[in-house]
C-alpha atoms as a PDB file:
ATOM      1  CA  MET A   1     -69.180 -81.443-138.776  1.00  0.00           C
ATOM      2  CA  CYS A   2     -72.082 -83.496-139.634  1.00  0.00           C
ATOM      3  CA  LYS A   3     -74.385 -81.945-141.857  1.00  0.00           C
ATOM      4  CA  ILE A   4     -78.410 -83.624-142.260  1.00  0.00           C
ATOM      5  CA  ILE A   5     -79.482 -83.068-146.178  1.00  0.00           C
ATOM      6  CA  LYS A   6     -83.421 -83.473-145.231  1.00  0.00           C
ATOM      7  CA  SER A   7     -85.335 -85.102-148.568  1.00  0.00           C
ATOM      8  CA  HIS A   8     -87.631 -82.535-150.124  1.00  0.00           C
ATOM      9  CA  ASN A   9     -90.449 -85.149-149.428  1.00  0.00           C
ATOM     10  CA  GLN A  10     -89.792 -85.048-145.678  1.00  0.00           C
ATOM     11  CA  SER A  11     -90.873 -82.501-143.282  1.00  0.00           C
ATOM     12  CA  HIS A  12     -88.768 -81.149-140.827  1.00  0.00           C
ATOM     13  CA  ASN A  13     -90.371 -83.059-138.025  1.00  0.00           C
ATOM     14  CA  ASP A  14     -89.840 -85.572-139.863  1.00  0.00           C
ATOM     15  CA  VAL A  15     -86.381 -85.857-139.802  1.00  0.00           C
ATOM     16  CA  ASN A  16     -86.078 -84.897-135.702  1.00  0.00           C
ATOM     17  CA  ASN A  17     -88.186 -88.034-134.774  1.00  0.00           C
ATOM     18  CA  ALA A  18     -86.871 -90.562-137.220  1.00  0.00           C
ATOM     19  CA  PRO A  19     -85.845 -93.987-136.038  1.00  0.00           C
ATOM     20  CA  PHE A  20     -82.659 -93.036-137.455  1.00  0.00           C
ATOM     21  CA  LYS A  21     -82.096 -97.031-138.128  1.00  0.00           C
ATOM     22  CA  HIS A  22     -80.219 -96.498-141.094  1.00  0.00           C
ATOM     23  CA  ILE A  23     -76.641 -95.092-138.918  1.00  0.00           C
ATOM     24  CA  LYS A  24     -74.222 -97.703-138.032  1.00  0.00           C
ATOM     25  CA  VAL A  25     -72.966 -97.802-134.979  1.00  0.00           C
ATOM     26  CA  TYR A  26     -69.558 -98.060-134.050  1.00  0.00           C
ATOM     27  CA  ASP A  27     -67.653 -99.389-130.858  1.00  0.00           C
ATOM     28  CA  LEU A  28     -64.191 -97.276-131.385  1.00  0.00           C
ATOM     29  CA  LYS A  29     -61.481 -98.877-130.225  1.00  0.00           C
ATOM     30  CA  TYR A  30     -57.554 -97.297-130.458  1.00  0.00           C
ATOM     31  CA  GLN A  31     -55.896 -98.497-133.209  1.00  0.00           C
ATOM     32  CA  ASN A  32     -52.555 -98.581-133.992  1.00  0.00           C
ATOM     33  CA  PRO A  33     -51.857 -97.064-137.752  1.00  0.00           C
ATOM     34  CA  PRO A  34     -50.492 -99.288-139.857  1.00  0.00           C
ATOM     35  CA  LEU A  35     -46.854-100.415-139.831  1.00  0.00           C
ATOM     36  CA  ASP A  36     -45.021-100.072-143.369  1.00  0.00           C
ATOM     37  CA  VAL A  37     -41.704-101.984-143.200  1.00  0.00           C
ATOM     38  CA  TYR A  38     -38.698-100.491-145.564  1.00  0.00           C
ATOM     39  CA  PHE A  39     -36.240-102.603-147.282  1.00  0.00           C
ATOM     40  CA  SER A  40     -34.238-102.432-150.503  1.00  0.00           C
ATOM     41  CA  MET A  41     -35.981-105.159-152.964  1.00  0.00           C
ATOM     42  CA  SER A  42     -34.548-106.221-156.684  1.00  0.00           C
ATOM     43  CA  ASP A  43     -36.310-108.490-159.439  1.00  0.00           C
ATOM     44  CA  THR A  44     -32.715-108.360-160.806  1.00  0.00           C
ATOM     45  CA  PRO A  45     -30.865-111.778-160.357  1.00  0.00           C
ATOM     46  CA  LEU A  46     -27.459-112.557-161.977  1.00  0.00           C
ATOM     47  CA  ALA A  47     -28.129-114.619-165.397  1.00  0.00           C
ATOM     48  CA  ASN A  48     -25.818-117.945-163.947  1.00  0.00           C
ATOM     49  CA  ASN A  49     -27.392-117.883-160.312  1.00  0.00           C
ATOM     50  CA  PRO A  50     -30.991-117.214-159.961  1.00  0.00           C
ATOM     51  CA  LYS A  51     -31.120-117.055-156.366  1.00  0.00           C
ATOM     52  CA  ALA A  52     -28.348-114.622-156.427  1.00  0.00           C
ATOM     53  CA  TYR A  53     -29.348-110.585-156.930  1.00  0.00           C
ATOM     54  CA  THR A  54     -26.624-107.581-156.464  1.00  0.00           C
ATOM     55  CA  LYS A  55     -27.823-104.581-159.370  1.00  0.00           C
ATOM     56  CA  GLY A  56     -31.125-103.437-159.518  1.00  0.00           C
ATOM     57  CA  PHE A  57     -32.188-102.817-155.780  1.00  0.00           C
ATOM     58  CA  SER A  58     -34.183-100.148-154.633  1.00  0.00           C
ATOM     59  CA  TYR A  59     -35.513 -98.569-151.564  1.00  0.00           C
ATOM     60  CA  GLU A  60     -39.087 -98.993-150.467  1.00  0.00           C
ATOM     61  CA  PHE A  61     -41.525 -98.922-147.960  1.00  0.00           C
ATOM     62  CA  ILE A  62     -45.140-101.174-147.792  1.00  0.00           C
ATOM     63  CA  SER A  63     -47.351-101.763-145.311  1.00  0.00           C
ATOM     64  CA  TRP A  64     -46.675-104.310-143.157  1.00  0.00           C
ATOM     65  CA  ASP A  65     -49.750-106.853-143.844  1.00  0.00           C
ATOM     66  CA  ASN A  66     -48.056-106.786-147.489  1.00  0.00           C
ATOM     67  CA  PHE A  67     -45.206-108.104-147.291  1.00  0.00           C
ATOM     68  CA  HIS A  68     -45.512-111.256-147.506  1.00  0.00           C
ATOM     69  CA  LYS A  69     -46.129-110.360-152.027  1.00  0.00           C
ATOM     70  CA  VAL A  70     -43.374-108.429-151.566  1.00  0.00           C
ATOM     71  CA  THR A  71     -40.582-112.364-150.548  1.00  0.00           C
ATOM     72  CA  GLN A  72     -42.512-114.046-153.042  1.00  0.00           C
ATOM     73  CA  LYS A  73     -41.410-111.774-155.650  1.00  0.00           C
ATOM     74  CA  TYR A  74     -38.336-109.543-155.456  1.00  0.00           C
ATOM     75  CA  SER A  75     -35.173-110.443-153.381  1.00  0.00           C
ATOM     76  CA  TYR A  76     -35.342-108.191-150.721  1.00  0.00           C
ATOM     77  CA  SER A  77     -32.309-106.317-148.097  1.00  0.00           C
ATOM     78  CA  ASN A  78     -32.694-104.882-144.918  1.00  0.00           C
ATOM     79  CA  ALA A  79     -29.969-102.950-146.327  1.00  0.00           C
ATOM     80  CA  VAL A  80     -30.015 -99.400-148.272  1.00  0.00           C
ATOM     81  CA  PHE A  81     -27.829 -99.882-151.236  1.00  0.00           C
ATOM     82  CA  LYS A  82     -25.585 -96.573-153.011  1.00  0.00           C
ATOM     83  CA  ASP A  83     -26.851 -97.151-156.615  1.00  0.00           C
ATOM     84  CA  GLY A  84     -28.747 -99.694-155.704  1.00  0.00           C
ATOM     85  CA  TYR A  85     -25.675-102.547-156.197  1.00  0.00           C
ATOM     86  CA  ARG A  86     -25.636-104.795-153.767  1.00  0.00           C
ATOM     87  CA  LYS A  87     -21.640-104.547-151.825  1.00  0.00           C
ATOM     88  CA  ILE A  88     -20.674-103.731-148.145  1.00  0.00           C
ATOM     89  CA  ASP A  89     -19.276-100.117-149.400  1.00  0.00           C
ATOM     90  CA  ASN A  90     -22.601 -99.313-150.561  1.00  0.00           C
ATOM     91  CA  ILE A  91     -24.641 -98.973-147.864  1.00  0.00           C
ATOM     92  CA  LYS A  92     -25.898 -95.910-146.208  1.00  0.00           C
ATOM     93  CA  GLY A  93     -27.616 -97.122-144.169  1.00  0.00           C
ATOM     94  CA  PHE A  94     -30.483 -99.989-143.353  1.00  0.00           C
ATOM     95  CA  GLY A  95     -34.745-100.325-143.173  1.00  0.00           C
ATOM     96  CA  ASN A  96     -36.633-101.582-140.187  1.00  0.00           C
ATOM     97  CA  LEU A  97     -36.284-105.210-140.771  1.00  0.00           C
ATOM     98  CA  LEU A  98     -34.465-108.542-138.995  1.00  0.00           C
ATOM     99  CA  ILE A  99     -34.223-111.535-140.870  1.00  0.00           C
ATOM    100  CA  PHE A 100     -33.049-114.735-139.880  1.00  0.00           C
ATOM    101  CA  ASP A 101     -32.288-118.434-142.050  1.00  0.00           C
ATOM    102  CA  ILE A 102     -33.296-120.924-140.536  1.00  0.00           C
ATOM    103  CA  ASP A 103     -32.467-124.128-141.799  1.00  0.00           C
ATOM    104  CA  ASN A 104     -34.067-127.766-140.103  1.00  0.00           C
ATOM    105  CA  ASN A 105     -32.580-126.945-136.878  1.00  0.00           C
ATOM    106  CA  TYR A 106     -35.518-125.641-136.044  1.00  0.00           C
ATOM    107  CA  ASP A 107     -39.675-127.096-136.476  1.00  0.00           C
ATOM    108  CA  ILE A 108     -41.231-124.581-137.714  1.00  0.00           C
ATOM    109  CA  ASN A 109     -44.517-124.912-136.052  1.00  0.00           C
ATOM    110  CA  LYS A 110     -41.866-124.908-132.480  1.00  0.00           C
ATOM    111  CA  VAL A 111     -40.822-120.984-133.477  1.00  0.00           C
ATOM    112  CA  ARG A 112     -43.656-120.079-134.680  1.00  0.00           C
ATOM    113  CA  GLU A 113     -45.292-120.616-131.222  1.00  0.00           C
ATOM    114  CA  ASP A 114     -42.090-118.890-129.572  1.00  0.00           C
ATOM    115  CA  LEU A 115     -42.978-116.257-131.364  1.00  0.00           C
ATOM    116  CA  LYS A 116     -46.247-115.378-129.886  1.00  0.00           C
ATOM    117  CA  GLY A 117     -46.604-111.438-128.575  1.00  0.00           C
ATOM    118  CA  VAL A 118     -43.717-110.380-131.116  1.00  0.00           C
ATOM    119  CA  LYS A 119     -44.968-109.118-134.549  1.00  0.00           C
ATOM    120  CA  SER A 120     -43.050-111.224-136.608  1.00  0.00           C
ATOM    121  CA  LEU A 121     -43.280-113.340-140.255  1.00  0.00           C
ATOM    122  CA  ILE A 122     -42.771-116.641-140.834  1.00  0.00           C
ATOM    123  CA  VAL A 123     -42.485-117.403-145.011  1.00  0.00           C
ATOM    124  CA  THR A 124     -40.628-120.948-146.289  1.00  0.00           C
ATOM    125  CA  THR A 125     -37.577-121.012-148.592  1.00  0.00           C
ATOM    126  CA  ARG A 126     -37.548-123.100-151.830  1.00  0.00           C
ATOM    127  CA  SER A 127     -35.662-125.616-150.084  1.00  0.00           C
ATOM    128  CA  HIS A 128     -38.612-126.466-147.303  1.00  0.00           C
ATOM    129  CA  THR A 129     -40.497-129.747-146.476  1.00  0.00           C
ATOM    130  CA  VAL A 130     -42.755-131.839-144.729  1.00  0.00           C
ATOM    131  CA  GLU A 131     -39.027-133.167-143.441  1.00  0.00           C
ATOM    132  CA  HIS A 132     -36.525-130.217-144.116  1.00  0.00           C
ATOM    133  CA  HIS A 133     -37.339-127.343-142.325  1.00  0.00           C
ATOM    134  CA  LYS A 134     -36.075-124.523-143.410  1.00  0.00           C
ATOM    135  CA  PHE A 135     -37.807-121.137-143.543  1.00  0.00           C
ATOM    136  CA  ARG A 136     -37.302-117.262-142.707  1.00  0.00           C
ATOM    137  CA  VAL A 137     -38.432-115.224-139.462  1.00  0.00           C
ATOM    138  CA  ILE A 138     -38.669-112.000-140.515  1.00  0.00           C
ATOM    139  CA  ILE A 139     -38.870-108.725-137.093  1.00  0.00           C
ATOM    140  CA  PRO A 140     -39.638-105.266-137.959  1.00  0.00           C
ATOM    141  CA  THR A 141     -38.539-102.708-135.204  1.00  0.00           C
ATOM    142  CA  ASP A 142     -40.486 -99.842-134.610  1.00  0.00           C
ATOM    143  CA  LYS A 143     -37.305 -97.554-135.774  1.00  0.00           C
ATOM    144  CA  ARG A 144     -35.066 -97.564-138.743  1.00  0.00           C
ATOM    145  CA  ILE A 145     -31.267 -97.535-138.824  1.00  0.00           C
ATOM    146  CA  ASN A 146     -31.022 -94.717-140.630  1.00  0.00           C
ATOM    147  CA  GLN A 147     -27.256 -94.941-140.881  1.00  0.00           C
ATOM    148  CA  LYS A 148     -24.024 -96.658-141.118  1.00  0.00           C
ATOM    149  CA  ILE A 149     -22.984 -99.263-138.500  1.00  0.00           C
ATOM    150  CA  SER A 150     -20.115-102.049-138.080  1.00  0.00           C
ATOM    151  CA  LYS A 151     -20.746-105.147-139.159  1.00  0.00           C
ATOM    152  CA  GLU A 152     -20.115-106.315-135.871  1.00  0.00           C
ATOM    153  CA  LEU A 153     -22.361-104.621-134.554  1.00  0.00           C
ATOM    154  CA  TYR A 154     -25.409-104.848-136.910  1.00  0.00           C
ATOM    155  CA  ALA A 155     -24.329-108.808-135.838  1.00  0.00           C
ATOM    156  CA  GLU A 156     -24.620-108.429-132.521  1.00  0.00           C
ATOM    157  CA  ILE A 157     -28.176-106.799-132.987  1.00  0.00           C
ATOM    158  CA  LEU A 158     -29.390-110.302-134.628  1.00  0.00           C
ATOM    159  CA  LYS A 159     -28.237-112.248-132.671  1.00  0.00           C
ATOM    160  CA  VAL A 160     -29.627-110.378-129.568  1.00  0.00           C
ATOM    161  CA  THR A 161     -33.009-110.392-130.958  1.00  0.00           C
ATOM    162  CA  ALA A 162     -32.772-114.251-132.458  1.00  0.00           C
ATOM    163  CA  LYS A 163     -31.814-115.332-128.630  1.00  0.00           C
ATOM    164  CA  HIS A 164     -33.676-112.812-126.290  1.00  0.00           C
ATOM    165  CA  ILE A 165     -37.028-112.296-128.098  1.00  0.00           C
ATOM    166  CA  CYS A 166     -37.174-115.439-130.839  1.00  0.00           C
ATOM    167  CA  ASN A 167     -35.655-117.175-128.269  1.00  0.00           C
ATOM    168  CA  LEU A 168     -32.916-119.345-130.889  1.00  0.00           C
ATOM    169  CA  GLU A 169     -29.785-119.757-130.322  1.00  0.00           C
ATOM    170  CA  PRO A 170     -27.309-117.677-132.753  1.00  0.00           C
ATOM    171  CA  GLN A 171     -25.240-120.379-133.581  1.00  0.00           C
ATOM    172  CA  LYS A 172     -28.014-122.700-134.706  1.00  0.00           C
ATOM    173  CA  LEU A 173     -28.687-119.993-137.274  1.00  0.00           C
ATOM    174  CA  ASP A 174     -27.457-119.427-141.209  1.00  0.00           C
ATOM    175  CA  ASN A 175     -23.843-117.073-140.195  1.00  0.00           C
ATOM    176  CA  VAL A 176     -24.840-115.664-143.869  1.00  0.00           C
ATOM    177  CA  CYS A 177     -28.094-114.110-142.564  1.00  0.00           C
ATOM    178  CA  PHE A 178     -26.029-112.346-139.591  1.00  0.00           C
ATOM    179  CA  GLY A 179     -24.400-110.342-143.158  1.00  0.00           C
ATOM    180  CA  MET A 180     -24.890-106.575-143.875  1.00  0.00           C
ATOM    181  CA  ASP A 181     -25.438-106.809-147.217  1.00  0.00           C
ATOM    182  CA  ARG A 182     -27.521-109.847-147.184  1.00  0.00           C
ATOM    183  CA  GLN A 183     -30.011-109.946-149.527  1.00  0.00           C
ATOM    184  CA  TYR A 184     -32.881-113.076-149.664  1.00  0.00           C
ATOM    185  CA  ALA A 185     -33.975-114.623-152.894  1.00  0.00           C
ATOM    186  CA  PRO A 186     -37.583-115.109-152.999  1.00  0.00           C
ATOM    187  CA  ASN A 187     -40.353-118.306-153.278  1.00  0.00           C
ATOM    188  CA  LYS A 188     -43.386-117.736-155.024  1.00  0.00           C
ATOM    189  CA  ASN A 189     -44.594-121.560-153.888  1.00  0.00           C
ATOM    190  CA  GLN A 190     -43.799-119.343-150.502  1.00  0.00           C
ATOM    191  CA  GLN A 191     -46.443-120.826-147.252  1.00  0.00           C
ATOM    192  CA  HIS A 192     -45.942-117.336-144.890  1.00  0.00           C
ATOM    193  CA  ARG A 193     -48.436-116.912-141.369  1.00  0.00           C
ATOM    194  CA  TYR A 194     -48.150-113.483-140.217  1.00  0.00           C
ATOM    195  CA  ILE A 195     -47.448-113.733-135.902  1.00  0.00           C
ATOM    196  CA  LYS A 196     -49.483-110.820-133.855  1.00  0.00           C
ATOM    197  CA  GLY A 197     -47.832-109.265-131.421  1.00  0.00           C
ATOM    198  CA  ASP A 198     -46.006-105.793-130.190  1.00  0.00           C
ATOM    199  CA  LEU A 199     -42.630-104.232-131.981  1.00  0.00           C
ATOM    200  CA  VAL A 200     -39.430-105.520-131.110  1.00  0.00           C
ATOM    201  CA  PRO A 201     -38.001-101.996-129.441  1.00  0.00           C
ATOM    202  CA  LEU A 202     -34.923-101.146-131.737  1.00  0.00           C
ATOM    203  CA  GLU A 203     -33.581 -99.346-129.022  1.00  0.00           C
ATOM    204  CA  HIS A 204     -32.938-101.516-126.692  1.00  0.00           C
ATOM    205  CA  ILE A 205     -31.544-103.997-128.729  1.00  0.00           C
ATOM    206  CA  LEU A 206     -29.265-101.561-129.591  1.00  0.00           C
ATOM    207  CA  LEU A 207     -27.908-101.224-125.806  1.00  0.00           C
ATOM    208  CA  ILE A 208     -27.988-105.010-124.989  1.00  0.00           C
ATOM    209  CA  ALA A 209     -26.051-105.245-128.398  1.00  0.00           C
ATOM    210  CA  LYS A 210     -23.323-102.167-127.764  1.00  0.00           C
ATOM    211  CA  GLU A 211     -22.989-103.521-124.810  1.00  0.00           C
ATOM    212  CA  ASN A 212     -21.702-107.425-125.451  1.00  0.00           C
ATOM    213  CA  LEU A 213     -19.361-106.289-128.380  1.00  0.00           C
ATOM    214  CA  LYS A 214     -17.507-104.209-125.473  1.00  0.00           C
ATOM    215  CA  LYS A 215     -17.316-108.040-123.193  1.00  0.00           C
ATOM    216  CA  VAL A 216     -16.114-109.984-126.613  1.00  0.00           C
ATOM    217  CA  VAL A 217     -12.693-108.836-128.096  1.00  0.00           C
ATOM    218  CA  PRO A 218     -14.103-109.084-132.475  1.00  0.00           C
ATOM    219  CA  THR A 219     -11.314-110.062-133.520  1.00  0.00           C
ATOM    220  CA  VAL A 220     -10.416-113.568-134.394  1.00  0.00           C
ATOM    221  CA  LYS A 221      -7.201-115.047-133.776  1.00  0.00           C
ATOM    222  CA  PRO A 222      -5.746-118.566-134.533  1.00  0.00           C
ATOM    223  CA  ILE A 223      -5.402-121.182-131.625  1.00  0.00           C
ATOM    224  CA  GLN A 224      -1.536-121.853-132.178  1.00  0.00           C
ATOM    225  CA  GLN A 225      -0.559-125.620-132.355  1.00  0.00           C
ATOM    226  CA  ASN A 226       3.223-127.106-131.466  1.00  0.00           C
ATOM    227  CA  HIS A 227       5.206-128.420-134.180  1.00  0.00           C
ATOM    228  CA  ILE A 228       5.518-131.968-134.989  1.00  0.00           C
ATOM    229  CA  LYS A 229       9.326-132.148-136.715  1.00  0.00           C
ATOM    230  CA  SER A 230       9.822-135.162-139.647  1.00  0.00           C
ATOM    231  CA  ASN A 231      12.028-137.953-139.576  1.00  0.00           C
ATOM    232  CA  SER A 232      11.153-139.162-142.649  1.00  0.00           C
ATOM    233  CA  ASN A 233      13.935-138.374-145.633  1.00  0.00           C
ATOM    234  CA  LEU A 234      11.593-137.630-148.026  1.00  0.00           C
ATOM    235  CA  SER A 235      11.596-134.306-149.502  1.00  0.00           C
ATOM    236  CA  TYR A 236       9.874-130.935-148.772  1.00  0.00           C
ATOM    237  CA  GLN A 237       8.057-131.363-152.433  1.00  0.00           C
ATOM    238  CA  ASP A 238       7.773-134.922-152.145  1.00  0.00           C
ATOM    239  CA  LYS A 239       5.552-134.564-148.458  1.00  0.00           C
ATOM    240  CA  ARG A 240       3.880-131.715-149.862  1.00  0.00           C
ATOM    241  CA  ALA A 241       2.541-134.436-152.898  1.00  0.00           C
ATOM    242  CA  TYR A 242       2.222-136.774-150.086  1.00  0.00           C
ATOM    243  CA  ILE A 243      -0.573-134.662-148.391  1.00  0.00           C
ATOM    244  CA  LYS A 244      -2.530-133.575-151.672  1.00  0.00           C
ATOM    245  CA  GLU A 245      -2.985-138.050-152.352  1.00  0.00           C
ATOM    246  CA  HIS A 246      -3.943-138.213-148.970  1.00  0.00           C
ATOM    247  CA  PHE A 247      -5.762-135.608-146.866  1.00  0.00           C
ATOM    248  CA  THR A 248      -9.439-136.301-146.440  1.00  0.00           C
ATOM    249  CA  VAL A 249     -12.298-134.076-146.414  1.00  0.00           C
ATOM    250  CA  GLU A 250     -12.571-134.884-142.775  1.00  0.00           C
ATOM    251  CA  PHE A 251      -8.833-134.287-142.322  1.00  0.00           C
ATOM    252  CA  MET A 252      -9.629-130.843-143.483  1.00  0.00           C
ATOM    253  CA  ARG A 253     -12.478-130.464-141.313  1.00  0.00           C
ATOM    254  CA  ASP A 254     -10.846-130.967-138.497  1.00  0.00           C
ATOM    255  CA  ILE A 255      -8.456-127.936-139.371  1.00  0.00           C
ATOM    256  CA  LEU A 256     -11.032-125.785-139.361  1.00  0.00           C
ATOM    257  CA  SER A 257     -12.392-127.039-136.150  1.00  0.00           C
ATOM    258  CA  SER A 258      -8.932-126.358-134.914  1.00  0.00           C
ATOM    259  CA  LYS A 259      -9.261-122.355-135.775  1.00  0.00           C
ATOM    260  CA  GLY A 260     -13.050-122.417-134.903  1.00  0.00           C
ATOM    261  CA  LEU A 261     -14.616-122.334-137.455  1.00  0.00           C
ATOM    262  CA  THR A 262     -17.373-124.421-138.885  1.00  0.00           C
ATOM    263  CA  VAL A 263     -18.149-126.165-141.691  1.00  0.00           C
ATOM    264  CA  ARG A 264     -22.031-125.866-143.478  1.00  0.00           C
ATOM    265  CA  THR A 265     -23.663-128.571-144.932  1.00  0.00           C
ATOM    266  CA  ASP A 266     -22.856-126.832-148.339  1.00  0.00           C
ATOM    267  CA  GLY A 267     -19.440-126.921-147.475  1.00  0.00           C
ATOM    268  CA  ARG A 268     -19.607-122.835-147.631  1.00  0.00           C
ATOM    269  CA  VAL A 269     -16.761-121.524-143.976  1.00  0.00           C
ATOM    270  CA  ILE A 270     -17.165-117.863-142.900  1.00  0.00           C
ATOM    271  CA  ILE A 271     -14.070-116.928-141.488  1.00  0.00           C
ATOM    272  CA  PRO A 272     -14.577-113.475-139.156  1.00  0.00           C
ATOM    273  CA  GLY A 273     -12.125-110.680-139.376  1.00  0.00           C
ATOM    274  CA  LYS A 274     -11.118-112.141-142.867  1.00  0.00           C
ATOM    275  CA  LYS A 275     -10.366-110.041-145.550  1.00  0.00           C
ATOM    276  CA  THR A 276     -11.834-112.744-147.806  1.00  0.00           C
ATOM    277  CA  ASN A 277     -14.365-112.901-145.424  1.00  0.00           C
ATOM    278  CA  ALA A 278     -16.119-116.645-146.641  1.00  0.00           C
ATOM    279  CA  ILE A 279     -13.722-120.299-148.367  1.00  0.00           C
ATOM    280  CA  SER A 280     -15.681-123.001-149.124  1.00  0.00           C
ATOM    281  CA  LEU A 281     -14.564-126.283-148.576  1.00  0.00           C
ATOM    282  CA  ASP A 282     -14.986-128.837-151.985  1.00  0.00           C
ATOM    283  CA  LEU A 283     -17.305-131.489-150.622  1.00  0.00           C
ATOM    284  CA  LYS A 284     -15.727-134.097-152.570  1.00  0.00           C
ATOM    285  CA  SER A 285     -12.321-133.310-152.910  1.00  0.00           C
ATOM    286  CA  GLY A 286     -11.512-131.901-149.476  1.00  0.00           C
ATOM    287  CA  PHE A 287      -9.664-128.680-151.057  1.00  0.00           C
ATOM    288  CA  VAL A 288     -10.670-125.433-150.193  1.00  0.00           C
ATOM    289  CA  ARG A 289     -11.618-122.338-152.593  1.00  0.00           C
ATOM    290  CA  ASP A 290     -11.015-118.719-151.976  1.00  0.00           C
ATOM    291  CA  PHE A 291     -13.437-117.460-154.925  1.00  0.00           C
ATOM    292  CA  ALA A 292     -13.056-114.349-154.491  1.00  0.00           C
ATOM    293  CA  ASN A 293      -9.588-113.916-155.113  1.00  0.00           C
ATOM    294  CA  ASP A 294      -9.848-117.763-157.656  1.00  0.00           C
ATOM    295  CA  ILE A 295      -7.302-119.565-154.940  1.00  0.00           C
ATOM    296  CA  SER A 296      -7.462-123.638-154.218  1.00  0.00           C
ATOM    297  CA  TYR A 297      -5.723-124.781-151.223  1.00  0.00           C
ATOM    298  CA  ASP A 298      -4.619-127.859-149.521  1.00  0.00           C
ATOM    299  CA  PRO A 299      -3.843-127.239-144.953  1.00  0.00           C
ATOM    300  CA  VAL A 300      -0.883-126.426-145.729  1.00  0.00           C
ATOM    301  CA  SER A 301      -1.309-123.265-147.909  1.00  0.00           C
ATOM    302  CA  LEU A 302      -4.358-122.325-145.712  1.00  0.00           C
ATOM    303  CA  LEU A 303      -2.372-122.282-142.400  1.00  0.00           C
ATOM    304  CA  PHE A 304       0.425-120.573-143.796  1.00  0.00           C
ATOM    305  CA  ASP A 305      -1.178-117.970-145.579  1.00  0.00           C
ATOM    306  CA  PHE A 306      -5.087-117.212-143.642  1.00  0.00           C
ATOM    307  CA  TYR A 307      -2.930-118.258-139.896  1.00  0.00           C
ATOM    308  CA  HIS A 308       1.032-117.455-140.859  1.00  0.00           C
ATOM    309  CA  GLU A 309       1.610-120.579-138.313  1.00  0.00           C
ATOM    310  CA  GLY A 310       5.886-121.283-139.270  1.00  0.00           C
ATOM    311  CA  THR A 311       7.558-121.737-141.759  1.00  0.00           C
ATOM    312  CA  LEU A 312       5.891-123.568-145.361  1.00  0.00           C
ATOM    313  CA  ALA A 313       8.472-126.056-143.772  1.00  0.00           C
ATOM    314  CA  GLN A 314       7.313-126.789-140.442  1.00  0.00           C
ATOM    315  CA  ILE A 315       3.594-126.301-141.176  1.00  0.00           C
ATOM    316  CA  THR A 316       3.742-129.169-144.410  1.00  0.00           C
ATOM    317  CA  ASP A 317       5.640-131.926-141.869  1.00  0.00           C
ATOM    318  CA  THR A 318       3.257-131.379-138.983  1.00  0.00           C
ATOM    319  CA  VAL A 319       0.128-131.972-140.968  1.00  0.00           C
ATOM    320  CA  PHE A 320       2.342-134.643-143.235  1.00  0.00           C
ATOM    321  CA  GLU A 321       3.283-136.285-139.811  1.00  0.00           C
ATOM    322  CA  GLN A 322      -0.459-135.844-138.351  1.00  0.00           C
ATOM    323  CA  LEU A 323      -1.699-137.565-142.459  1.00  0.00           C
ATOM    324  CA  LYS A 324       0.472-140.430-141.166  1.00  0.00           C
ATOM    325  CA  GLY A 325      -1.509-141.320-137.884  1.00  0.00           C
ATOM    326  CA  ILE A 326       1.116-138.979-135.660  1.00  0.00           C
ATOM    327  CA  LYS A 327      -1.797-137.411-132.959  1.00  0.00           C
END
């Protein structure tokens, strides 16, 4: 109900006959209400690694148009953690963000063009340069995932979105961003760009992801190889010593590649379906490091401990002869 308050200096007729030029007239059009996004954030990095955040995560929401302020100052994650401690076992549910790390494989301007029509945000990461484009794509969905889901389904949701919504090839993205407990460090000097468009329908993405998982068995079976019997008179210990002395980073890459694994530029190797989740290749020595269990591997130990392909003696002979040049 509108009330017109008359001035004591005006008569009733004066008010009714006034031109009312002071009243603004708006062209009313329907607008969506402001979008809130839900996520976890922390401002407590590890003392020995300023890019890593494990504790202090609180579940928050903020207007989408202000989310870039979060990415400048706080570590953020789409997962909701029990007691604010970031680990997979503590995940209680998820917010409504899908986040992708892009390192070098895509031009930031091309991605921005491909995202036209999709409500999204691009923020640059600390190592972004004019020559090497390193950035994140953040996409809000129309609903939250409010319950626990399998890590395979969560990864598939991201892959489906990357391929069908963003025109990105999942295999060219940083595999770590497919992890359920992934955190993203802030960048106070970031560049950011909001892209206007429609919200991604979560139910539709979920349906495709579930159908995809029905077609693929989410386990990794090692590639079998025929063992090569060595005719050398060297002892087992001498062969192991020869392997440790002569194998190279390239040779270890070949071993890992034969298992369908990819070595990232920083040496990190993701092993799907394994308890360890990840190992790292020392790009100077060639040794593989399992930081979770504090173990270093040469090719023989790696094949035996991770894949159990034959006996130690059989694997030793095979690797020894391969290093000597037998294919």
